[in-house]
């Protein structure tokens, strides 16, 4: 058994955060990231394991890890 999200979960997330959706970072557990809560960006795409890739206004393109990091729509 794998721990990957189901196809339905992936599609639901893609519907919830289509390309271009503006988001703000709530929490990121990456100790090496310079992103801070409140940083904003636009969703670029969501891959098959539900990583949400964001083009951050700061110039970063770091992805959000499903069920680990948190963003919110703005």
PDB file of N, CA and C in Angstrom:
ATOM      1  N   UNK A   1       0.846  -1.192   0.000  1.00  0.00           N
ATOM      2  CA  UNK A   1       0.000   0.000   0.000  1.00  0.00           C
ATOM      3  C   UNK A   1       0.884   1.245   0.000  1.00  0.00           C
ATOM      4  N   UNK A   2       0.589   2.197  -0.861  1.00  0.00           N
ATOM      5  CA  UNK A   2       1.377   3.429  -0.890  1.00  0.00           C
ATOM      6  C   UNK A   2       0.658   4.541  -0.139  1.00  0.00           C
ATOM      7  N   UNK A   3       1.384   5.593   0.141  1.00  0.00           N
ATOM      8  CA  UNK A   3       0.818   6.735   0.865  1.00  0.00           C
ATOM      9  C   UNK A   3       0.498   7.902  -0.066  1.00  0.00           C
ATOM     10  N   UNK A   4       0.426   7.632  -1.373  1.00  0.00           N
ATOM     11  CA  UNK A   4       0.127   8.688  -2.316  1.00  0.00           C
ATOM     12  C   UNK A   4      -1.358   9.024  -2.276  1.00  0.00           C
ATOM     13  N   UNK A   5      -1.701  10.299  -2.521  1.00  0.00           N
ATOM     14  CA  UNK A   5      -3.117  10.688  -2.546  1.00  0.00           C
ATOM     15  C   UNK A   5      -3.842   9.974  -3.683  1.00  0.00           C
ATOM     16  N   UNK A   6      -5.125   9.746  -3.501  1.00  0.00           N
ATOM     17  CA  UNK A   6      -5.935   9.114  -4.545  1.00  0.00           C
ATOM     18  C   UNK A   6      -6.110  10.064  -5.724  1.00  0.00           C
ATOM     19  N   UNK A   7      -6.486   9.503  -6.851  1.00  0.00           N
ATOM     20  CA  UNK A   7      -6.747  10.303  -8.057  1.00  0.00           C
ATOM     21  C   UNK A   7      -7.849  11.332  -7.783  1.00  0.00           C
ATOM     22  N   UNK A   8      -8.840  10.921  -6.999  1.00  0.00           N
ATOM     23  CA  UNK A   8      -9.947  11.826  -6.652  1.00  0.00           C
ATOM     24  C   UNK A   8      -9.444  13.010  -5.826  1.00  0.00           C
ATOM     25  N   UNK A   9      -8.508  12.751  -4.910  1.00  0.00           N
ATOM     26  CA  UNK A   9      -7.943  13.822  -4.089  1.00  0.00           C
ATOM     27  C   UNK A   9      -7.172  14.804  -4.960  1.00  0.00           C
ATOM     28  N   UNK A  10      -6.389  14.268  -5.902  1.00  0.00           N
ATOM     29  CA  UNK A  10      -5.618  15.118  -6.815  1.00  0.00           C
ATOM     30  C   UNK A  10      -6.566  16.008  -7.622  1.00  0.00           C
ATOM     31  N   UNK A  11      -7.597  15.422  -8.200  1.00  0.00           N
ATOM     32  CA  UNK A  11      -8.539  16.192  -9.018  1.00  0.00           C
ATOM     33  C   UNK A  11      -9.293  17.228  -8.188  1.00  0.00           C
ATOM     34  N   UNK A  12      -9.670  16.871  -6.966  1.00  0.00           N
ATOM     35  CA  UNK A  12     -10.359  17.827  -6.088  1.00  0.00           C
ATOM     36  C   UNK A  12      -9.458  19.031  -5.801  1.00  0.00           C
ATOM     37  N   UNK A  13      -8.189  18.772  -5.498  1.00  0.00           N
ATOM     38  CA  UNK A  13      -7.253  19.852  -5.207  1.00  0.00           C
ATOM     39  C   UNK A  13      -7.037  20.735  -6.435  1.00  0.00           C
ATOM     40  N   UNK A  14      -6.960  20.115  -7.618  1.00  0.00           N
ATOM     41  CA  UNK A  14      -6.797  20.887  -8.860  1.00  0.00           C
ATOM     42  C   UNK A  14      -8.005  21.767  -9.134  1.00  0.00           C
ATOM     43  N   UNK A  15      -9.196  21.301  -8.756  1.00  0.00           N
ATOM     44  CA  UNK A  15     -10.397  22.126  -8.918  1.00  0.00           C
ATOM     45  C   UNK A  15     -10.421  23.258  -7.893  1.00  0.00           C
ATOM     46  N   UNK A  16      -9.926  22.976  -6.693  1.00  0.00           N
ATOM     47  CA  UNK A  16      -9.915  23.964  -5.617  1.00  0.00           C
ATOM     48  C   UNK A  16      -8.887  25.068  -5.864  1.00  0.00           C
ATOM     49  N   UNK A  17      -7.750  24.701  -6.481  1.00  0.00           N
ATOM     50  CA  UNK A  17      -6.657  25.647  -6.732  1.00  0.00           C
ATOM     51  C   UNK A  17      -6.242  25.620  -8.203  1.00  0.00           C
ATOM     52  N   UNK A  18      -7.086  26.110  -9.106  1.00  0.00           N
ATOM     53  CA  UNK A  18      -6.686  26.124 -10.522  1.00  0.00           C
ATOM     54  C   UNK A  18      -5.511  27.079 -10.758  1.00  0.00           C
ATOM     55  N   UNK A  19      -4.834  26.871 -11.881  1.00  0.00           N
ATOM     56  CA  UNK A  19      -3.706  27.725 -12.247  1.00  0.00           C
ATOM     57  C   UNK A  19      -4.111  29.190 -12.155  1.00  0.00           C
ATOM     58  N   UNK A  20      -3.247  29.982 -11.525  1.00  0.00           N
ATOM     59  CA  UNK A  20      -3.493  31.415 -11.393  1.00  0.00           C
ATOM     60  C   UNK A  20      -4.144  31.818 -10.078  1.00  0.00           C
ATOM     61  N   UNK A  21      -4.635  30.847  -9.310  1.00  0.00           N
ATOM     62  CA  UNK A  21      -5.255  31.165  -8.019  1.00  0.00           C
ATOM     63  C   UNK A  21      -4.243  31.856  -7.120  1.00  0.00           C
ATOM     64  N   UNK A  22      -4.634  32.967  -6.547  1.00  0.00           N
ATOM     65  CA  UNK A  22      -3.754  33.690  -5.626  1.00  0.00           C
ATOM     66  C   UNK A  22      -3.856  33.057  -4.245  1.00  0.00           C
ATOM     67  N   UNK A  23      -2.689  32.824  -3.646  1.00  0.00           N
ATOM     68  CA  UNK A  23      -2.627  32.183  -2.328  1.00  0.00           C
ATOM     69  C   UNK A  23      -1.653  32.927  -1.424  1.00  0.00           C
ATOM     70  N   UNK A  24      -1.816  32.689  -0.128  1.00  0.00           N
ATOM     71  CA  UNK A  24      -0.888  33.211   0.877  1.00  0.00           C
ATOM     72  C   UNK A  24      -0.395  32.024   1.700  1.00  0.00           C
ATOM     73  N   UNK A  25       0.861  32.068   2.065  1.00  0.00           N
ATOM     74  CA  UNK A  25       1.443  31.016   2.881  1.00  0.00           C
ATOM     75  C   UNK A  25       0.972  31.154   4.323  1.00  0.00           C
ATOM     76  N   UNK A  26       0.495  30.060   4.891  1.00  0.00           N
ATOM     77  CA  UNK A  26       0.114  30.015   6.296  1.00  0.00           C
ATOM     78  C   UNK A  26       1.245  29.375   7.094  1.00  0.00           C
ATOM     79  N   UNK A  27       1.760  28.233   6.574  1.00  0.00           N
ATOM     80  CA  UNK A  27       2.812  27.511   7.290  1.00  0.00           C
ATOM     81  C   UNK A  27       3.629  26.684   6.296  1.00  0.00           C
ATOM     82  N   UNK A  28       4.945  26.690   6.490  1.00  0.00           N
ATOM     83  CA  UNK A  28       5.830  25.821   5.717  1.00  0.00           C
ATOM     84  C   UNK A  28       6.850  25.234   6.680  1.00  0.00           C
ATOM     85  N   UNK A  29       6.993  23.931   6.638  1.00  0.00           N
ATOM     86  CA  UNK A  29       7.894  23.245   7.571  1.00  0.00           C
ATOM     87  C   UNK A  29       9.254  22.954   6.969  1.00  0.00           C
ATOM     88  N   UNK A  30       9.655  23.688   5.958  1.00  0.00           N
ATOM     89  CA  UNK A  30      10.967  23.537   5.334  1.00  0.00           C
ATOM     90  C   UNK A  30      11.935  24.494   6.022  1.00  0.00           C
ATOM     91  N   UNK A  31      12.895  23.983   6.802  1.00  0.00           N
ATOM     92  CA  UNK A  31      13.798  24.866   7.542  1.00  0.00           C
ATOM     93  C   UNK A  31      14.747  25.670   6.638  1.00  0.00           C
ATOM     94  N   UNK A  32      14.851  25.287   5.373  1.00  0.00           N
ATOM     95  CA  UNK A  32      15.768  25.973   4.459  1.00  0.00           C
ATOM     96  C   UNK A  32      15.080  27.004   3.577  1.00  0.00           C
ATOM     97  N   UNK A  33      13.748  27.072   3.654  1.00  0.00           N
ATOM     98  CA  UNK A  33      13.005  28.027   2.843  1.00  0.00           C
ATOM     99  C   UNK A  33      13.093  29.418   3.460  1.00  0.00           C
ATOM    100  N   UNK A  34      13.137  30.417   2.596  1.00  0.00           N
ATOM    101  CA  UNK A  34      13.092  31.804   3.065  1.00  0.00           C
ATOM    102  C   UNK A  34      11.678  32.356   3.056  1.00  0.00           C
ATOM    103  N   UNK A  35      10.723  31.541   2.606  1.00  0.00           N
ATOM    104  CA  UNK A  35       9.334  31.979   2.606  1.00  0.00           C
ATOM    105  C   UNK A  35       8.838  32.132   4.035  1.00  0.00           C
ATOM    106  N   UNK A  36       7.994  33.132   4.238  1.00  0.00           N
ATOM    107  CA  UNK A  36       7.449  33.446   5.556  1.00  0.00           C
ATOM    108  C   UNK A  36       5.928  33.438   5.501  1.00  0.00           C
ATOM    109  N   UNK A  37       5.262  33.130   6.618  1.00  0.00           N
ATOM    110  CA  UNK A  37       3.805  33.227   6.639  1.00  0.00           C
ATOM    111  C   UNK A  37       3.355  34.611   6.138  1.00  0.00           C
ATOM    112  N   UNK A  38       2.347  34.589   5.285  1.00  0.00           N
ATOM    113  CA  UNK A  38       1.848  35.832   4.702  1.00  0.00           C
ATOM    114  C   UNK A  38       2.381  36.086   3.296  1.00  0.00           C
ATOM    115  N   UNK A  39       3.498  35.436   2.921  1.00  0.00           N
ATOM    116  CA  UNK A  39       4.008  35.599   1.553  1.00  0.00           C
ATOM    117  C   UNK A  39       2.927  35.158   0.567  1.00  0.00           C
ATOM    118  N   UNK A  40       2.855  35.851  -0.582  1.00  0.00           N
ATOM    119  CA  UNK A  40       1.801  35.596  -1.554  1.00  0.00           C
ATOM    120  C   UNK A  40       2.375  35.166  -2.893  1.00  0.00           C
ATOM    121  N   UNK A  41       1.530  34.463  -3.654  1.00  0.00           N
ATOM    122  CA  UNK A  41       1.929  34.022  -4.975  1.00  0.00           C
ATOM    123  C   UNK A  41       0.743  33.474  -5.744  1.00  0.00           C
ATOM    124  N   UNK A  42       1.028  32.939  -6.942  1.00  0.00           N
ATOM    125  CA  UNK A  42      -0.005  32.380  -7.811  1.00  0.00           C
ATOM    126  C   UNK A  42       0.302  30.920  -8.085  1.00  0.00           C
ATOM    127  N   UNK A  43      -0.725  30.091  -8.034  1.00  0.00           N
ATOM    128  CA  UNK A  43      -0.561  28.667  -8.306  1.00  0.00           C
ATOM    129  C   UNK A  43      -0.140  28.477  -9.758  1.00  0.00           C
ATOM    130  N   UNK A  44       0.913  27.687  -9.959  1.00  0.00           N
ATOM    131  CA  UNK A  44       1.379  27.351 -11.311  1.00  0.00           C
ATOM    132  C   UNK A  44       0.779  26.035 -11.778  1.00  0.00           C
ATOM    133  N   UNK A  45       0.878  24.998 -10.932  1.00  0.00           N
ATOM    134  CA  UNK A  45       0.298  23.698 -11.254  1.00  0.00           C
ATOM    135  C   UNK A  45       0.320  22.815 -10.017  1.00  0.00           C
ATOM    136  N   UNK A  46      -0.404  21.714 -10.088  1.00  0.00           N
ATOM    137  CA  UNK A  46      -0.433  20.715  -9.019  1.00  0.00           C
ATOM    138  C   UNK A  46      -0.033  19.389  -9.639  1.00  0.00           C
ATOM    139  N   UNK A  47       0.981  18.753  -9.055  1.00  0.00           N
ATOM    140  CA  UNK A  47       1.451  17.487  -9.633  1.00  0.00           C
ATOM    141  C   UNK A  47       0.608  16.304  -9.153  1.00  0.00           C
ATOM    142  N   UNK A  48       0.983  15.103  -9.578  1.00  0.00           N
ATOM    143  CA  UNK A  48       0.189  13.909  -9.295  1.00  0.00           C
ATOM    144  C   UNK A  48       0.261  13.427  -7.853  1.00  0.00           C
ATOM    145  N   UNK A  49       1.131  14.032  -7.033  1.00  0.00           N
ATOM    146  CA  UNK A  49       1.156  13.675  -5.608  1.00  0.00           C
ATOM    147  C   UNK A  49       0.682  14.856  -4.750  1.00  0.00           C
ATOM    148  N   UNK A  50      -0.038  15.758  -5.392  1.00  0.00           N
ATOM    149  CA  UNK A  50      -0.689  16.899  -4.732  1.00  0.00           C
ATOM    150  C   UNK A  50       0.266  17.979  -4.231  1.00  0.00           C
ATOM    151  N   UNK A  51       1.474  18.041  -4.745  1.00  0.00           N
ATOM    152  CA  UNK A  51       2.329  19.186  -4.428  1.00  0.00           C
ATOM    153  C   UNK A  51       1.800  20.372  -5.220  1.00  0.00           C
ATOM    154  N   UNK A  52       1.582  21.483  -4.530  1.00  0.00           N
ATOM    155  CA  UNK A  52       1.057  22.689  -5.172  1.00  0.00           C
ATOM    156  C   UNK A  52       2.240  23.603  -5.451  1.00  0.00           C
ATOM    157  N   UNK A  53       2.567  23.780  -6.720  1.00  0.00           N
ATOM    158  CA  UNK A  53       3.680  24.639  -7.090  1.00  0.00           C
ATOM    159  C   UNK A  53       3.181  26.057  -7.276  1.00  0.00           C
ATOM    160  N   UNK A  54       3.855  26.973  -6.580  1.00  0.00           N
ATOM    161  CA  UNK A  54       3.437  28.370  -6.540  1.00  0.00           C
ATOM    162  C   UNK A  54       4.565  29.244  -7.063  1.00  0.00           C
ATOM    163  N   UNK A  55       4.205  30.194  -7.892  1.00  0.00           N
ATOM    164  CA  UNK A  55       5.142  31.225  -8.318  1.00  0.00           C
ATOM    165  C   UNK A  55       4.993  32.357  -7.310  1.00  0.00           C
ATOM    166  N   UNK A  56       5.875  32.370  -6.332  1.00  0.00           N
ATOM    167  CA  UNK A  56       5.796  33.345  -5.241  1.00  0.00           C
ATOM    168  C   UNK A  56       6.215  34.718  -5.721  1.00  0.00           C
ATOM    169  N   UNK A  57       5.575  35.743  -5.191  1.00  0.00           N
ATOM    170  CA  UNK A  57       5.885  37.120  -5.572  1.00  0.00           C
ATOM    171  C   UNK A  57       7.339  37.471  -5.265  1.00  0.00           C
ATOM    172  N   UNK A  58       7.948  36.769  -4.331  1.00  0.00           N
ATOM    173  CA  UNK A  58       9.345  37.013  -3.955  1.00  0.00           C
ATOM    174  C   UNK A  58      10.335  36.463  -4.982  1.00  0.00           C
ATOM    175  N   UNK A  59       9.819  35.692  -5.970  1.00  0.00           N
ATOM    176  CA  UNK A  59      10.682  35.112  -6.992  1.00  0.00           C
ATOM    177  C   UNK A  59      10.912  33.621  -6.824  1.00  0.00           C
ATOM    178  N   UNK A  60      10.555  33.085  -5.686  1.00  0.00           N
ATOM    179  CA  UNK A  60      10.694  31.650  -5.438  1.00  0.00           C
ATOM    180  C   UNK A  60       9.617  30.880  -6.203  1.00  0.00           C
ATOM    181  N   UNK A  61       9.890  29.613  -6.474  1.00  0.00           N
ATOM    182  CA  UNK A  61       8.881  28.755  -7.108  1.00  0.00           C
ATOM    183  C   UNK A  61       8.731  27.456  -6.326  1.00  0.00           C
ATOM    184  N   UNK A  62       8.966  27.533  -5.042  1.00  0.00           N
ATOM    185  CA  UNK A  62       8.908  26.373  -4.172  1.00  0.00           C
ATOM    186  C   UNK A  62       7.490  25.833  -4.058  1.00  0.00           C
ATOM    187  N   UNK A  63       7.377  24.498  -4.055  1.00  0.00           N
ATOM    188  CA  UNK A  63       6.076  23.851  -3.961  1.00  0.00           C
ATOM    189  C   UNK A  63       5.630  23.647  -2.521  1.00  0.00           C
ATOM    190  N   UNK A  64       4.329  23.559  -2.364  1.00  0.00           N
ATOM    191  CA  UNK A  64       3.695  23.300  -1.075  1.00  0.00           C
ATOM    192  C   UNK A  64       3.456  21.798  -0.979  1.00  0.00           C
ATOM    193  N   UNK A  65       3.908  21.173   0.101  1.00  0.00           N
ATOM    194  CA  UNK A  65       3.758  19.737   0.284  1.00  0.00           C
ATOM    195  C   UNK A  65       2.381  19.434   0.863  1.00  0.00           C
ATOM    196  N   UNK A  66       1.639  18.579   0.179  1.00  0.00           N
ATOM    197  CA  UNK A  66       0.288  18.194   0.597  1.00  0.00           C
ATOM    198  C   UNK A  66       0.309  17.614   2.007  1.00  0.00           C
ATOM    199  N   UNK A  67      -0.594  18.076   2.845  1.00  0.00           N
ATOM    200  CA  UNK A  67      -0.756  17.619   4.231  1.00  0.00           C
ATOM    201  C   UNK A  67       0.438  17.925   5.141  1.00  0.00           C
ATOM    202  N   UNK A  68       1.353  18.763   4.690  1.00  0.00           N
ATOM    203  CA  UNK A  68       2.500  19.143   5.520  1.00  0.00           C
ATOM    204  C   UNK A  68       2.556  20.664   5.669  1.00  0.00           C
ATOM    205  N   UNK A  69       2.520  21.365   4.539  1.00  0.00           N
ATOM    206  CA  UNK A  69       2.520  22.823   4.535  1.00  0.00           C
ATOM    207  C   UNK A  69       1.074  23.294   4.375  1.00  0.00           C
ATOM    208  N   UNK A  70       0.869  24.609   4.528  1.00  0.00           N
ATOM    209  CA  UNK A  70      -0.498  25.112   4.420  1.00  0.00           C
ATOM    210  C   UNK A  70      -0.519  26.473   3.739  1.00  0.00           C
ATOM    211  N   UNK A  71      -1.479  26.624   2.818  1.00  0.00           N
ATOM    212  CA  UNK A  71      -1.745  27.898   2.148  1.00  0.00           C
ATOM    213  C   UNK A  71      -3.228  28.202   2.294  1.00  0.00           C
ATOM    214  N   UNK A  72      -3.589  29.452   1.944  1.00  0.00           N
ATOM    215  CA  UNK A  72      -4.996  29.825   1.893  1.00  0.00           C
ATOM    216  C   UNK A  72      -5.215  30.694   0.663  1.00  0.00           C
ATOM    217  N   UNK A  73      -6.412  30.637   0.120  1.00  0.00           N
ATOM    218  CA  UNK A  73      -6.760  31.492  -1.013  1.00  0.00           C
ATOM    219  C   UNK A  73      -6.877  32.929  -0.537  1.00  0.00           C
ATOM    220  N   UNK A  74      -6.503  33.868  -1.412  1.00  0.00           N
ATOM    221  CA  UNK A  74      -6.699  35.291  -1.113  1.00  0.00           C
ATOM    222  C   UNK A  74      -7.515  35.931  -2.218  1.00  0.00           C
TER     223      UNK A  74
END
